[in-house]
Amino acid sequence: MGDGRRRREAVSLARQGLLIAKRAAKRRRTRSASFEDERAVVFVHGFMAAGAVFDPIRDRVEQELRLPTSTVTYGSYKRFETIVDALEKHIAESPARRVSLVGHSLGGLVCRWMVQHVSSSRVDRLITLATPHGGTRAARFAPGRLGAALRPGSELLRALGDRPVEVPHLAVVAGQDRMVTPPASAAQVEGADVVWIDDMGHNSMLFDDRVHRLVVDRLR
């Protein structure tokens, strides 16, 4: 990764921190789903992050598509099953008839599990951003049960590999990803439409206009 890309990743990490702090200080105002809404979009963040990191892309979705959006936020030391339960409850409480799921990093695995092992009856599509579908060697440094689940060959990843994703799935790969190693892991999912962005990093993906356009176009 060149110096420019390292700086972009560092700036993206700092921006995530600012968004999380801003959300904590002031509750985000957003459109809420109503019974008239055909669809809602639910975002699930990655390991050691929070829902606020999606605020820029949620703004884009709400402005261009007029769709209500929301996030599922979880602590990084929760069990994977607990996070899935929170997502299931969030979807169940949405009055929208259909729900589209967007997950970054670990959040993409949470969304996949929801579709493959819980229920896909209301989920109409799935978008995963820099998600380690095949695991990541970088997870050997990650603490706790969630970190272990991200390691190649984990029980979680084996269970996900046992079933196909039965809704349309876009998987976006960050070619310069240093959190998902190798980056090709983000493409290791059967039946997905895979888009590689060669000069993209793991965190800068959240703030890049090309990724925002991909997400909006897939949700359109």
Protein backbone atom coordinates (compact mmCIF):
# COMPACT_ATOMS: atom_id res chain seq x y z
CA MET A 1 0.00 0.00 0.00
CA GLY A 2 1.46 3.37 -1.02
CA ASP A 3 1.80 6.38 1.25
CA GLY A 4 -1.31 8.00 -0.23
CA ARG A 5 -3.44 4.94 0.46
CA ARG A 6 -2.09 4.62 3.98
CA ARG A 7 -3.02 8.24 4.62
CA ARG A 8 -6.49 7.64 3.20
CA GLU A 9 -7.01 4.69 5.54
CA ALA A 10 -5.77 6.71 8.50
CA VAL A 11 -8.11 9.57 7.62
CA SER A 12 -10.99 7.10 7.24
CA LEU A 13 -10.31 5.64 10.69
CA ALA A 14 -10.26 9.13 12.19
CA ARG A 15 -13.47 9.97 10.38
CA GLN A 16 -15.16 6.89 11.81
CA GLY A 17 -14.17 7.99 15.31
CA LEU A 18 -15.60 11.45 14.72
CA LEU A 19 -18.87 10.04 13.39
CA ILE A 20 -19.22 7.73 16.40
CA ALA A 21 -18.52 10.60 18.80
CA LYS A 22 -20.93 12.89 16.97
CA ARG A 23 -23.70 10.27 17.06
CA ALA A 24 -23.13 9.75 20.78
CA ALA A 25 -23.45 13.48 21.40
CA LYS A 26 -26.46 14.05 19.16
CA ARG A 27 -28.96 11.48 18.00
CA ARG A 28 -29.13 11.10 14.25
CA ARG A 29 -32.32 12.29 12.60
CA THR A 30 -33.48 9.94 9.88
CA ARG A 31 -36.55 8.75 8.08
CA SER A 32 -38.41 6.03 9.93
CA ALA A 33 -40.12 3.20 8.11
CA SER A 34 -43.89 3.40 7.96
CA PHE A 35 -46.50 0.92 6.87
CA GLU A 36 -46.56 2.67 3.50
CA ASP A 37 -42.86 1.96 2.90
CA GLU A 38 -42.31 -0.97 0.58
CA ARG A 39 -38.69 -1.33 1.63
CA ALA A 40 -36.23 -0.34 4.36
CA VAL A 41 -32.43 -0.68 4.42
CA VAL A 42 -30.59 -2.00 7.47
CA PHE A 43 -26.83 -1.50 7.88
CA VAL A 44 -24.61 -3.67 10.11
CA HIS A 45 -21.12 -2.42 10.96
CA GLY A 46 -17.86 -4.31 11.42
CA PHE A 47 -15.68 -5.36 14.35
CA MET A 48 -14.67 -2.57 16.76
CA ALA A 49 -16.92 0.00 15.01
CA ALA A 50 -20.47 1.37 15.47
CA GLY A 51 -23.51 2.17 13.36
CA ALA A 52 -22.51 5.81 12.97
CA VAL A 53 -19.78 4.88 10.46
CA PHE A 54 -22.56 4.39 7.91
CA ASP A 55 -24.00 7.90 8.27
CA PRO A 56 -22.55 9.25 4.97
CA ILE A 57 -23.83 6.35 2.89
CA ARG A 58 -27.18 6.35 4.72
CA ASP A 59 -27.58 10.02 3.81
CA ARG A 60 -26.96 9.12 0.16
CA VAL A 61 -29.50 6.29 0.20
CA GLU A 62 -32.17 8.38 1.92
CA GLN A 63 -31.68 11.37 -0.37
CA GLU A 64 -31.46 9.53 -3.70
CA LEU A 65 -33.80 6.59 -3.12
CA ARG A 66 -36.14 8.01 -0.47
CA LEU A 67 -35.80 4.78 1.49
CA PRO A 68 -35.78 4.66 5.30
CA THR A 69 -32.53 3.38 6.79
CA SER A 70 -31.37 2.15 10.18
CA THR A 71 -28.39 0.45 11.81
CA VAL A 72 -27.79 -2.42 14.18
CA THR A 73 -25.01 -1.55 16.62
CA TYR A 74 -23.32 -4.14 18.82
CA GLY A 75 -20.40 -4.37 21.21
CA SER A 76 -17.23 -6.01 19.92
CA TYR A 77 -17.20 -8.54 22.76
CA LYS A 78 -20.70 -9.86 22.12
CA ARG A 79 -21.25 -13.39 20.88
CA PHE A 80 -21.94 -13.73 17.16
CA GLU A 81 -25.29 -15.37 17.92
CA THR A 82 -26.28 -12.39 20.08
CA ILE A 83 -25.64 -9.99 17.20
CA VAL A 84 -27.69 -12.14 14.83
CA ASP A 85 -30.51 -12.16 17.37
CA ALA A 86 -30.37 -8.35 17.52
CA LEU A 87 -30.58 -8.13 13.72
CA GLU A 88 -33.48 -10.60 13.63
CA LYS A 89 -35.37 -8.56 16.24
CA HIS A 90 -34.62 -5.32 14.36
CA ILE A 91 -36.05 -6.75 11.14
CA ALA A 92 -39.07 -8.20 12.91
CA GLU A 93 -39.91 -4.80 14.37
CA SER A 94 -39.64 -2.98 11.04
CA PRO A 95 -43.04 -2.23 9.48
CA ALA A 96 -41.51 -2.31 6.00
CA ARG A 97 -42.61 -5.24 3.88
CA ARG A 98 -39.12 -5.90 2.54
CA VAL A 99 -35.69 -5.28 4.02
CA SER A 100 -32.36 -4.88 2.23
CA LEU A 101 -29.20 -5.67 4.22
CA VAL A 102 -25.82 -3.94 3.91
CA GLY A 103 -22.91 -5.20 6.00
CA HIS A 104 -19.32 -3.99 6.29
CA SER A 105 -16.60 -6.46 7.28
CA LEU A 106 -17.92 -8.70 10.10
CA GLY A 107 -21.34 -7.10 9.60
CA GLY A 108 -21.54 -8.79 6.23
CA LEU A 109 -21.16 -12.20 7.88
CA VAL A 110 -23.92 -11.31 10.35
CA CYS A 111 -26.19 -10.41 7.42
CA ARG A 112 -25.26 -13.61 5.58
CA TRP A 113 -26.08 -15.72 8.61
CA MET A 114 -29.43 -13.98 8.90
CA VAL A 115 -30.25 -14.87 5.29
CA GLN A 116 -28.82 -18.40 5.26
CA HIS A 117 -29.58 -19.75 8.72
CA VAL A 118 -32.43 -17.69 10.21
CA SER A 119 -34.84 -16.35 7.59
CA SER A 120 -34.76 -14.71 4.20
CA SER A 121 -38.50 -14.33 3.75
CA ARG A 122 -38.44 -10.51 4.10
CA VAL A 123 -34.85 -9.88 2.96
CA ASP A 124 -34.81 -8.98 -0.72
CA ARG A 125 -31.07 -8.41 -1.29
CA LEU A 126 -27.69 -8.43 0.40
CA ILE A 127 -24.66 -6.18 -0.03
CA THR A 128 -21.37 -7.02 1.68
CA LEU A 129 -18.47 -4.57 1.78
CA ALA A 130 -14.96 -5.88 2.49
CA THR A 131 -16.43 -8.91 4.27
CA PRO A 132 -14.04 -11.83 5.01
CA HIS A 133 -16.23 -14.57 3.57
CA GLY A 134 -13.22 -16.86 3.52
CA GLY A 135 -11.83 -15.56 6.81
CA THR A 136 -8.86 -13.26 7.38
CA ARG A 137 -5.36 -14.02 8.59
CA ALA A 138 -5.37 -10.62 10.33
CA ALA A 139 -7.90 -12.04 12.82
CA ARG A 140 -5.11 -13.88 14.63
CA PHE A 141 -4.54 -10.56 16.39
CA ALA A 142 -8.25 -9.93 17.09
CA PRO A 143 -9.44 -10.61 20.66
CA GLY A 144 -12.47 -12.53 21.88
CA ARG A 145 -14.95 -14.87 20.26
CA LEU A 146 -15.71 -12.56 17.36
CA GLY A 147 -12.04 -12.39 16.48
CA ALA A 148 -11.82 -16.18 16.53
CA ALA A 149 -14.88 -16.45 14.28
CA LEU A 150 -13.10 -14.41 11.61
CA ARG A 151 -10.11 -16.74 11.32
CA PRO A 152 -9.93 -18.94 8.21
CA GLY A 153 -11.53 -22.32 8.78
CA SER A 154 -13.53 -21.23 11.83
CA GLU A 155 -16.69 -23.13 12.76
CA LEU A 156 -18.74 -20.06 11.80
CA LEU A 157 -17.25 -19.82 8.32
CA ARG A 158 -17.66 -23.55 7.73
CA ALA A 159 -21.35 -23.28 8.66
CA LEU A 160 -21.81 -20.32 6.30
CA GLY A 161 -20.15 -22.24 3.50
CA ASP A 162 -22.65 -25.09 3.86
CA ARG A 163 -25.55 -23.13 2.36
CA PRO A 164 -25.95 -20.75 -0.58
CA VAL A 165 -27.13 -17.15 -0.29
CA GLU A 166 -30.64 -17.31 -1.73
CA VAL A 167 -31.14 -13.58 -2.39
CA PRO A 168 -29.30 -11.35 -4.87
CA HIS A 169 -25.87 -10.61 -3.37
CA LEU A 170 -23.31 -7.96 -4.26
CA ALA A 171 -19.85 -8.45 -2.71
CA VAL A 172 -17.48 -5.47 -2.97
CA VAL A 173 -13.77 -6.20 -2.55
CA ALA A 174 -11.16 -3.66 -1.43
CA GLY A 175 -8.03 -4.53 -3.40
CA GLN A 176 -5.73 -2.81 -0.87
CA ASP A 177 -7.45 -4.30 2.18
CA ARG A 178 -5.08 -4.92 5.10
CA MET A 179 -7.79 -6.08 7.48
CA VAL A 180 -9.20 -8.77 5.19
CA THR A 181 -6.14 -10.76 4.20
CA PRO A 182 -5.96 -11.83 1.51
CA PRO A 183 -8.42 -9.31 0.00
CA ALA A 184 -9.74 -12.09 -2.27
CA SER A 185 -11.46 -13.53 0.81
CA ALA A 186 -14.16 -10.87 0.31
CA ALA A 187 -15.01 -12.56 -3.00
CA GLN A 188 -15.18 -16.13 -1.64
CA VAL A 189 -18.94 -16.52 -1.60
CA GLU A 190 -20.94 -18.65 -4.01
CA GLY A 191 -23.35 -16.92 -6.37
CA ALA A 192 -22.45 -13.31 -5.54
CA ASP A 193 -21.89 -10.54 -8.04
CA VAL A 194 -18.33 -9.50 -7.18
CA VAL A 195 -16.91 -6.02 -7.79
CA TRP A 196 -13.22 -5.35 -7.15
CA ILE A 197 -11.95 -1.84 -6.49
CA ASP A 198 -8.20 -2.26 -6.77
CA ASP A 199 -7.06 0.94 -5.04
CA MET A 200 -9.49 0.72 -2.11
CA GLY A 201 -8.70 0.12 1.57
CA HIS A 202 -10.82 -1.58 4.20
CA ASN A 203 -12.08 1.53 6.01
CA SER A 204 -11.89 4.08 3.19
CA MET A 205 -14.51 1.95 1.42
CA LEU A 206 -17.13 3.43 3.75
CA PHE A 207 -16.52 6.96 2.48
CA ASP A 208 -15.73 6.44 -1.19
CA ASP A 209 -18.12 7.79 -3.82
CA ARG A 210 -17.62 4.73 -6.05
CA VAL A 211 -18.79 2.42 -3.28
CA HIS A 212 -21.71 4.72 -2.46
CA ARG A 213 -22.79 4.59 -6.11
CA LEU A 214 -22.55 0.80 -6.19
CA VAL A 215 -24.70 0.50 -3.08
CA VAL A 216 -27.30 2.98 -4.31
CA ASP A 217 -27.48 1.34 -7.72
CA ARG A 218 -27.92 -2.12 -6.21
CA LEU A 219 -30.60 -0.86 -3.85
CA ARG A 220 -32.41 1.11 -6.54
